[in-house]
Protein backbone atom coordinates (compact mmCIF):
# COMPACT_ATOMS: atom_id res chain seq x y z
CA MET A 1 13.69 8.33 -1.06
CA TYR A 2 9.92 7.09 0.24
CA ILE A 3 9.00 4.17 -2.28
CA PRO A 4 5.12 3.42 -1.07
CA LYS A 5 3.66 -0.03 -1.18
CA VAL A 6 0.26 -1.22 -1.60
CA ASN A 7 -2.02 -0.07 0.60
CA ASP A 8 -0.13 2.78 1.71
CA THR A 9 -2.02 5.94 2.00
CA VAL A 10 0.11 8.90 -0.05
CA LYS A 11 -0.31 12.47 -0.94
CA TYR A 12 0.41 12.88 -4.72
CA LEU A 13 0.20 15.74 -7.27
CA ASP A 14 -2.53 14.79 -9.70
CA PRO A 15 -0.67 14.65 -13.22
CA VAL A 16 -3.56 15.86 -15.08
CA SER A 17 -5.03 18.69 -12.84
CA LEU A 18 -1.78 19.36 -11.25
CA GLU A 19 -3.65 19.49 -7.94
CA SER A 20 -2.36 17.84 -4.57
CA LYS A 21 -4.56 14.74 -3.71
CA VAL A 22 -4.64 12.10 -1.09
CA GLY A 23 -5.51 8.34 -2.45
CA LYS A 24 -4.48 5.02 -1.64
CA ILE A 25 -2.39 2.46 -3.33
CA LEU A 26 -4.19 -0.27 -5.07
CA SER A 27 -1.28 -1.63 -7.41
CA VAL A 28 2.12 -1.43 -8.44
CA ASP A 29 3.12 -2.37 -11.98
CA SER A 30 5.57 -1.47 -14.69
CA ASP A 31 6.24 -1.45 -18.43
CA ARG A 32 9.62 -3.04 -17.96
CA TYR A 33 9.47 -5.33 -15.03
CA ASP A 34 6.90 -8.53 -15.37
CA LYS A 35 6.98 -9.22 -11.57
CA LEU A 36 7.70 -7.05 -8.68
CA GLU A 37 7.70 -7.40 -5.10
CA TYR A 38 7.85 -4.88 -2.15
CA THR A 39 11.01 -5.56 0.17
CA LYS A 40 11.85 -3.13 3.21
CA ASN A 41 14.88 -1.63 1.04
CA GLY A 42 12.04 -1.13 -1.88
CA TYR A 43 11.02 -3.33 -4.84
CA ASN A 44 12.46 -6.13 -6.44
CA TYR A 45 11.95 -7.81 -10.01
CA TRP A 46 12.23 -11.33 -11.04
CA SER A 47 15.22 -11.71 -13.52
CA LYS A 48 14.56 -14.40 -16.22
CA LYS A 49 18.18 -14.04 -16.85
CA THR A 50 19.70 -14.89 -13.63
CA SER A 51 16.51 -16.67 -12.16
CA SER A 52 16.61 -14.25 -8.74
CA TRP A 53 15.15 -11.51 -7.66
CA ARG A 54 17.20 -8.65 -8.25
CA PRO A 55 16.47 -4.85 -7.12
CA VAL A 56 15.21 -2.16 -9.04
CA LYS A 57 17.28 0.49 -9.73
CA ASP A 58 15.36 2.83 -12.26
CA TYR A 59 11.64 3.16 -11.11
CA SER A 60 10.98 5.31 -14.40
CA SER A 61 8.85 2.48 -15.89
CA VAL A 62 7.35 1.50 -12.39
CA TYR A 63 4.15 2.94 -12.13
CA TRP A 64 1.16 2.59 -8.88
CA GLU A 65 -2.65 2.67 -9.28
CA VAL A 66 -4.03 5.05 -6.72
CA ALA A 67 -7.73 5.43 -5.63
CA SER A 68 -8.73 8.79 -4.22
CA ASN A 69 -12.02 9.91 -2.88
CA GLU A 70 -12.67 12.50 -5.25
CA LYS A 71 -12.77 10.27 -8.37
CA VAL A 72 -14.80 6.88 -9.50
CA PHE A 73 -11.86 5.81 -11.37
CA SER A 74 -8.56 4.72 -10.05
CA GLU A 75 -5.22 6.88 -11.66
CA PHE A 76 -1.71 5.91 -12.58
CA ILE A 77 1.05 8.07 -11.19
CA LEU A 78 4.73 7.88 -11.11
CA LEU A 79 7.29 7.88 -8.38
CA GLU A 80 7.95 11.68 -8.84
CA ASP A 81 4.25 12.51 -8.71
CA ILE A 82 4.20 11.02 -4.91
CA ASN A 83 4.66 13.63 -2.37
CA GLY A 84 4.90 11.47 1.04
CA THR A 85 2.47 9.12 3.15
CA VAL A 86 -0.91 10.92 5.10
């Protein structure tokens, strides 16, 4: 499974218009995890309980901020909306 990182250019499905678009990843954030870091195996989150970095297993609460050339404002998308790199 492809997990994009900041500055990757990706193809994605616009969740509102359902059109295929191309954009650049600006940031990655989560409703569930406070701190995220990218590694070659995907994202890790900082666990307060264990005081260590742990791998993200459920990406449903992780979202990517994407800027496309077509819109002035950025969009927030989920992993399931991303179709790959350009």
